[in-house]
């Protein structure tokens, strides 16, 4: 807490403790009253994972799907794009392998004249 004397903080701590249910007090005493901190700051919210361009999975998939005509993809198509995007951003080996294979396969098809 900010700008609070140690005496005031202890008074507040005791007040909180005294107004708790006996079962909760027993739990705190078991772990140690001195170690208990009722004023712990909340943890930061989960960080949003992004790729090297600072885009989230949702942003990347949305941008990708906007390049496709609405008639050319299904829910499964979109789900697949989302899954691989999520896997790549999380650096999941399975999805990195899928990505590398797709890149290799595209080049392979180009060399054989099967893809423009």
N, C-alpha and C. Protein backbone atom coordinates (compact mmCIF):
# COMPACT_ATOMS: atom_id res chain seq x y z
N UNK A 1 0.84 -1.17 0.00
CA UNK A 1 0.00 0.00 0.00
C UNK A 1 0.89 1.23 0.00
N UNK A 2 0.45 2.31 -0.55
CA UNK A 2 1.25 3.51 -0.67
C UNK A 2 0.95 4.48 0.45
N UNK A 3 2.01 5.16 0.91
CA UNK A 3 1.89 6.22 1.91
C UNK A 3 1.14 5.80 3.18
N UNK A 4 1.36 4.58 3.63
CA UNK A 4 0.71 4.10 4.85
C UNK A 4 1.83 3.67 5.81
N UNK A 5 1.75 4.15 7.02
CA UNK A 5 2.77 3.79 8.00
C UNK A 5 2.65 2.31 8.33
N UNK A 6 3.75 1.72 8.79
CA UNK A 6 3.70 0.29 9.18
C UNK A 6 2.68 0.03 10.28
N UNK A 7 2.51 0.99 11.19
CA UNK A 7 1.54 0.81 12.27
C UNK A 7 0.11 0.78 11.71
N UNK A 8 -0.17 1.67 10.75
CA UNK A 8 -1.50 1.73 10.13
C UNK A 8 -1.75 0.45 9.32
N UNK A 9 -0.73 0.00 8.62
CA UNK A 9 -0.88 -1.22 7.84
C UNK A 9 -1.17 -2.41 8.75
N UNK A 10 -0.48 -2.49 9.87
CA UNK A 10 -0.71 -3.59 10.84
C UNK A 10 -2.12 -3.50 11.42
N UNK A 11 -2.58 -2.29 11.70
CA UNK A 11 -3.94 -2.10 12.22
C UNK A 11 -4.97 -2.59 11.20
N UNK A 12 -4.75 -2.26 9.94
CA UNK A 12 -5.68 -2.70 8.88
C UNK A 12 -5.64 -4.21 8.71
N UNK A 13 -4.43 -4.77 8.79
CA UNK A 13 -4.27 -6.22 8.66
C UNK A 13 -5.04 -6.93 9.78
N UNK A 14 -4.89 -6.44 11.02
CA UNK A 14 -5.58 -7.04 12.16
C UNK A 14 -7.09 -6.90 12.01
N UNK A 15 -7.55 -5.75 11.52
CA UNK A 15 -8.98 -5.53 11.31
C UNK A 15 -9.54 -6.55 10.31
N UNK A 16 -8.82 -6.73 9.20
CA UNK A 16 -9.25 -7.70 8.18
C UNK A 16 -9.30 -9.09 8.79
N UNK A 17 -8.23 -9.46 9.51
CA UNK A 17 -8.15 -10.78 10.11
C UNK A 17 -9.29 -11.00 11.12
N UNK A 18 -9.53 -10.02 11.96
CA UNK A 18 -10.57 -10.15 13.00
C UNK A 18 -11.97 -10.29 12.42
N UNK A 19 -12.19 -9.82 11.22
CA UNK A 19 -13.52 -9.87 10.61
C UNK A 19 -13.67 -11.03 9.62
N UNK A 20 -12.71 -11.92 9.63
CA UNK A 20 -12.79 -13.10 8.76
C UNK A 20 -13.51 -14.23 9.48
N UNK A 21 -13.95 -15.17 8.69
CA UNK A 21 -14.56 -16.37 9.26
C UNK A 21 -13.50 -17.15 10.03
N UNK A 22 -13.88 -17.78 11.13
CA UNK A 22 -12.91 -18.54 11.94
C UNK A 22 -12.13 -19.58 11.13
N UNK A 23 -12.80 -20.21 10.20
CA UNK A 23 -12.12 -21.23 9.38
C UNK A 23 -10.99 -20.61 8.56
N UNK A 24 -11.23 -19.43 8.00
CA UNK A 24 -10.20 -18.73 7.22
C UNK A 24 -9.07 -18.26 8.12
N UNK A 25 -9.41 -17.78 9.33
CA UNK A 25 -8.39 -17.37 10.30
C UNK A 25 -7.47 -18.54 10.64
N UNK A 26 -8.09 -19.70 10.85
CA UNK A 26 -7.32 -20.90 11.18
C UNK A 26 -6.34 -21.24 10.05
N UNK A 27 -6.80 -21.09 8.82
CA UNK A 27 -5.96 -21.36 7.65
C UNK A 27 -4.75 -20.41 7.63
N UNK A 28 -4.99 -19.13 7.90
CA UNK A 28 -3.91 -18.13 7.90
C UNK A 28 -2.94 -18.41 9.04
N UNK A 29 -3.47 -18.73 10.22
CA UNK A 29 -2.60 -19.02 11.35
C UNK A 29 -1.74 -20.25 11.10
N UNK A 30 -2.29 -21.21 10.39
CA UNK A 30 -1.55 -22.43 10.08
C UNK A 30 -0.33 -22.12 9.21
N UNK A 31 -0.50 -21.18 8.27
CA UNK A 31 0.61 -20.79 7.39
C UNK A 31 1.49 -19.71 8.01
N UNK A 32 0.96 -19.01 9.01
CA UNK A 32 1.73 -17.97 9.69
C UNK A 32 1.14 -16.59 9.46
N UNK A 33 0.66 -16.00 10.53
CA UNK A 33 0.05 -14.67 10.45
C UNK A 33 1.04 -13.63 9.93
N UNK A 34 2.29 -13.71 10.37
CA UNK A 34 3.30 -12.72 9.97
C UNK A 34 3.57 -12.78 8.46
N UNK A 35 3.51 -13.96 7.88
CA UNK A 35 3.78 -14.12 6.45
C UNK A 35 2.58 -13.73 5.59
N UNK A 36 1.42 -13.69 6.20
CA UNK A 36 0.19 -13.39 5.47
C UNK A 36 0.16 -11.92 5.07
N UNK A 37 -0.13 -11.65 3.80
CA UNK A 37 -0.22 -10.27 3.32
C UNK A 37 -1.56 -10.07 2.64
N UNK A 38 -2.52 -9.43 3.33
CA UNK A 38 -3.83 -9.22 2.71
C UNK A 38 -3.81 -8.10 1.68
N UNK A 39 -2.66 -7.44 1.52
CA UNK A 39 -2.57 -6.30 0.62
C UNK A 39 -1.78 -6.61 -0.65
N UNK A 40 -1.62 -7.88 -0.96
CA UNK A 40 -0.88 -8.27 -2.17
C UNK A 40 -1.56 -7.66 -3.38
N UNK A 41 -0.74 -7.07 -4.23
CA UNK A 41 -1.28 -6.49 -5.45
C UNK A 41 -1.69 -7.61 -6.41
N UNK A 42 -2.75 -7.41 -7.19
CA UNK A 42 -3.15 -8.45 -8.13
C UNK A 42 -2.09 -8.64 -9.21
N UNK A 43 -2.05 -9.84 -9.73
CA UNK A 43 -1.09 -10.14 -10.79
C UNK A 43 -1.49 -9.42 -12.06
N UNK A 44 -0.50 -9.18 -12.91
CA UNK A 44 -0.78 -8.54 -14.19
C UNK A 44 -1.66 -9.46 -15.02
N UNK A 45 -2.50 -8.89 -15.86
CA UNK A 45 -3.31 -9.74 -16.73
C UNK A 45 -2.41 -10.52 -17.68
N UNK A 46 -2.93 -11.62 -18.18
CA UNK A 46 -2.16 -12.46 -19.08
C UNK A 46 -1.68 -11.64 -20.27
N UNK A 47 -0.43 -11.86 -20.61
CA UNK A 47 0.10 -11.10 -21.74
C UNK A 47 -0.47 -11.65 -23.04
N UNK A 48 -0.76 -10.75 -23.93
CA UNK A 48 -1.28 -11.15 -25.24
C UNK A 48 -0.10 -11.55 -26.10
N UNK A 49 -0.10 -12.79 -26.54
CA UNK A 49 0.99 -13.26 -27.38
C UNK A 49 0.86 -12.66 -28.77
N UNK A 50 1.99 -12.24 -29.28
CA UNK A 50 2.02 -11.66 -30.62
C UNK A 50 3.16 -12.26 -31.40
N UNK A 51 3.11 -12.06 -32.71
CA UNK A 51 4.21 -12.53 -33.56
C UNK A 51 5.27 -11.44 -33.65
N UNK A 52 6.25 -11.62 -34.54
CA UNK A 52 7.33 -10.64 -34.66
C UNK A 52 6.84 -9.29 -35.16
N UNK A 53 5.67 -9.24 -35.78
CA UNK A 53 5.12 -7.98 -36.26
C UNK A 53 4.21 -7.32 -35.23
N UNK A 54 4.15 -7.92 -34.03
CA UNK A 54 3.32 -7.43 -32.91
C UNK A 54 1.83 -7.58 -33.17
N UNK A 55 1.45 -8.54 -34.01
CA UNK A 55 0.03 -8.82 -34.25
C UNK A 55 -0.38 -10.05 -33.45
N UNK A 56 -1.60 -10.03 -32.95
CA UNK A 56 -2.14 -11.18 -32.22
C UNK A 56 -2.62 -12.22 -33.23
N UNK A 57 -2.89 -13.42 -32.73
CA UNK A 57 -3.43 -14.48 -33.58
C UNK A 57 -4.71 -14.02 -34.26
N UNK A 58 -5.59 -13.40 -33.48
CA UNK A 58 -6.87 -12.95 -34.03
C UNK A 58 -6.66 -11.95 -35.16
N UNK A 59 -5.73 -11.03 -34.98
CA UNK A 59 -5.46 -10.02 -36.01
C UNK A 59 -4.92 -10.67 -37.28
N UNK A 60 -3.95 -11.57 -37.11
CA UNK A 60 -3.36 -12.24 -38.27
C UNK A 60 -4.39 -13.05 -39.05
N UNK A 61 -5.20 -13.82 -38.34
CA UNK A 61 -6.20 -14.65 -39.01
C UNK A 61 -7.23 -13.77 -39.71
N UNK A 62 -7.63 -12.71 -39.06
CA UNK A 62 -8.59 -11.79 -39.66
C UNK A 62 -8.03 -11.18 -40.94
N UNK A 63 -6.78 -10.74 -40.90
CA UNK A 63 -6.14 -10.17 -42.09
C UNK A 63 -6.05 -11.22 -43.20
N UNK A 64 -5.70 -12.44 -42.82
CA UNK A 64 -5.60 -13.52 -43.82
C UNK A 64 -6.96 -13.80 -44.46
N UNK A 65 -7.99 -13.95 -43.65
CA UNK A 65 -9.30 -14.29 -44.18
C UNK A 65 -9.88 -13.17 -45.04
N UNK A 66 -9.46 -11.93 -44.80
CA UNK A 66 -9.92 -10.83 -45.65
C UNK A 66 -9.30 -10.90 -47.04
N UNK A 67 -8.22 -11.67 -47.19
CA UNK A 67 -7.62 -11.83 -48.52
C UNK A 67 -8.33 -12.91 -49.32
N UNK A 68 -9.16 -13.70 -48.65
CA UNK A 68 -9.91 -14.79 -49.30
C UNK A 68 -11.32 -14.30 -49.60
N UNK A 69 -11.88 -14.82 -50.68
CA UNK A 69 -13.28 -14.47 -50.93
C UNK A 69 -14.14 -15.25 -49.94
N UNK A 70 -15.22 -14.65 -49.51
CA UNK A 70 -16.09 -15.27 -48.49
C UNK A 70 -16.59 -16.63 -48.93
N UNK A 71 -16.76 -16.84 -50.22
CA UNK A 71 -17.26 -18.12 -50.72
C UNK A 71 -16.17 -19.20 -50.74
N UNK A 72 -14.91 -18.79 -50.68
CA UNK A 72 -13.83 -19.76 -50.84
C UNK A 72 -13.40 -20.45 -49.56
N UNK A 73 -13.93 -20.05 -48.43
CA UNK A 73 -13.54 -20.75 -47.20
C UNK A 73 -14.74 -21.06 -46.32
N UNK A 74 -14.56 -22.13 -45.57
CA UNK A 74 -15.59 -22.61 -44.65
C UNK A 74 -15.14 -22.34 -43.21
N UNK A 75 -15.98 -22.71 -42.27
CA UNK A 75 -15.59 -22.59 -40.86
C UNK A 75 -14.36 -23.44 -40.57
N UNK A 76 -14.29 -24.62 -41.16
CA UNK A 76 -13.14 -25.50 -40.96
C UNK A 76 -11.86 -24.86 -41.50
N UNK A 77 -11.97 -24.19 -42.65
CA UNK A 77 -10.84 -23.49 -43.24
C UNK A 77 -10.35 -22.41 -42.27
N UNK A 78 -11.26 -21.62 -41.75
CA UNK A 78 -10.90 -20.57 -40.80
C UNK A 78 -10.33 -21.14 -39.51
N UNK A 79 -10.90 -22.25 -39.04
CA UNK A 79 -10.40 -22.90 -37.83
C UNK A 79 -8.97 -23.41 -38.05
N UNK A 80 -8.72 -23.96 -39.23
CA UNK A 80 -7.37 -24.44 -39.54
C UNK A 80 -6.37 -23.29 -39.57
N UNK A 81 -6.76 -22.17 -40.17
CA UNK A 81 -5.89 -21.00 -40.20
C UNK A 81 -5.60 -20.52 -38.78
N UNK A 82 -6.64 -20.50 -37.96
CA UNK A 82 -6.46 -20.05 -36.57
C UNK A 82 -5.53 -20.99 -35.81
N UNK A 83 -5.72 -22.30 -35.96
CA UNK A 83 -4.91 -23.27 -35.22
C UNK A 83 -3.44 -23.16 -35.59
N UNK A 84 -3.14 -23.08 -36.88
CA UNK A 84 -1.73 -23.02 -37.27
C UNK A 84 -1.12 -21.69 -36.85
N UNK A 85 -1.88 -20.62 -36.96
CA UNK A 85 -1.40 -19.31 -36.53
C UNK A 85 -1.09 -19.32 -35.03
N UNK A 86 -2.02 -19.85 -34.26
CA UNK A 86 -1.84 -19.93 -32.81
C UNK A 86 -0.61 -20.77 -32.47
N UNK A 87 -0.46 -21.90 -33.16
CA UNK A 87 0.68 -22.78 -32.92
C UNK A 87 2.01 -22.13 -33.27
N UNK A 88 2.03 -21.39 -34.37
CA UNK A 88 3.27 -20.73 -34.78
C UNK A 88 3.64 -19.62 -33.79
N UNK A 89 2.66 -18.82 -33.39
CA UNK A 89 2.94 -17.74 -32.44
C UNK A 89 3.43 -18.30 -31.11
N UNK A 90 2.91 -19.45 -30.69
CA UNK A 90 3.33 -20.07 -29.44
C UNK A 90 4.60 -20.91 -29.62
N UNK A 91 5.16 -20.89 -30.82
CA UNK A 91 6.40 -21.61 -31.13
C UNK A 91 6.28 -23.11 -30.87
N UNK A 92 5.12 -23.66 -31.18
CA UNK A 92 4.85 -25.08 -31.02
C UNK A 92 5.53 -25.83 -32.17
N UNK A 93 6.36 -26.80 -31.83
CA UNK A 93 7.14 -27.55 -32.82
C UNK A 93 6.25 -28.20 -33.89
N UNK A 94 5.12 -28.74 -33.49
CA UNK A 94 4.21 -29.39 -34.43
C UNK A 94 3.81 -28.42 -35.53
N UNK A 95 3.40 -27.21 -35.14
CA UNK A 95 2.93 -26.25 -36.12
C UNK A 95 4.07 -25.61 -36.91
N UNK A 96 5.24 -25.48 -36.29
CA UNK A 96 6.40 -25.00 -37.03
C UNK A 96 6.75 -25.99 -38.12
N UNK A 97 6.65 -27.30 -37.81
CA UNK A 97 6.90 -28.33 -38.81
C UNK A 97 5.89 -28.27 -39.94
N UNK A 98 4.62 -28.06 -39.59
CA UNK A 98 3.58 -27.94 -40.62
C UNK A 98 3.86 -26.73 -41.52
N UNK A 99 4.23 -25.61 -40.91
CA UNK A 99 4.52 -24.40 -41.66
C UNK A 99 5.70 -24.61 -42.62
N UNK A 100 6.77 -25.19 -42.10
CA UNK A 100 7.96 -25.43 -42.94
C UNK A 100 7.63 -26.37 -44.09
N UNK A 101 6.82 -27.40 -43.82
CA UNK A 101 6.44 -28.32 -44.88
C UNK A 101 5.62 -27.60 -45.96
N UNK A 102 4.67 -26.79 -45.55
CA UNK A 102 3.82 -26.08 -46.51
C UNK A 102 4.67 -25.15 -47.38
N UNK A 103 5.61 -24.44 -46.76
CA UNK A 103 6.50 -23.56 -47.54
C UNK A 103 7.32 -24.38 -48.54
N UNK A 104 7.87 -25.50 -48.07
CA UNK A 104 8.67 -26.36 -48.95
C UNK A 104 7.81 -26.91 -50.08
N UNK A 105 6.61 -27.36 -49.76
CA UNK A 105 5.72 -27.97 -50.75
C UNK A 105 5.31 -26.96 -51.82
N UNK A 106 5.06 -25.74 -51.41
CA UNK A 106 4.70 -24.68 -52.37
C UNK A 106 5.84 -24.48 -53.37
N UNK A 107 7.06 -24.39 -52.86
CA UNK A 107 8.22 -24.22 -53.75
C UNK A 107 8.39 -25.44 -54.66
N UNK A 108 8.17 -26.62 -54.11
CA UNK A 108 8.26 -27.86 -54.87
C UNK A 108 7.26 -27.85 -56.04
N UNK A 109 6.04 -27.45 -55.77
CA UNK A 109 5.02 -27.36 -56.82
C UNK A 109 5.38 -26.31 -57.87
N UNK A 110 5.94 -25.20 -57.46
CA UNK A 110 6.37 -24.15 -58.40
C UNK A 110 7.45 -24.69 -59.34
N UNK A 111 8.43 -25.41 -58.79
CA UNK A 111 9.52 -25.97 -59.59
C UNK A 111 9.01 -26.94 -60.64
N UNK A 112 7.97 -27.68 -60.31
CA UNK A 112 7.41 -28.66 -61.23
C UNK A 112 6.38 -28.06 -62.16
N UNK A 113 6.14 -26.75 -62.03
CA UNK A 113 5.19 -26.08 -62.92
C UNK A 113 3.73 -26.37 -62.58
N UNK A 114 3.48 -26.85 -61.41
CA UNK A 114 2.11 -27.19 -60.99
C UNK A 114 1.42 -26.02 -60.28
N UNK A 115 2.19 -24.97 -60.03
CA UNK A 115 1.66 -23.82 -59.31
C UNK A 115 2.28 -22.57 -59.91
N UNK A 116 1.48 -21.58 -60.10
CA UNK A 116 1.99 -20.33 -60.69
C UNK A 116 2.57 -19.42 -59.66
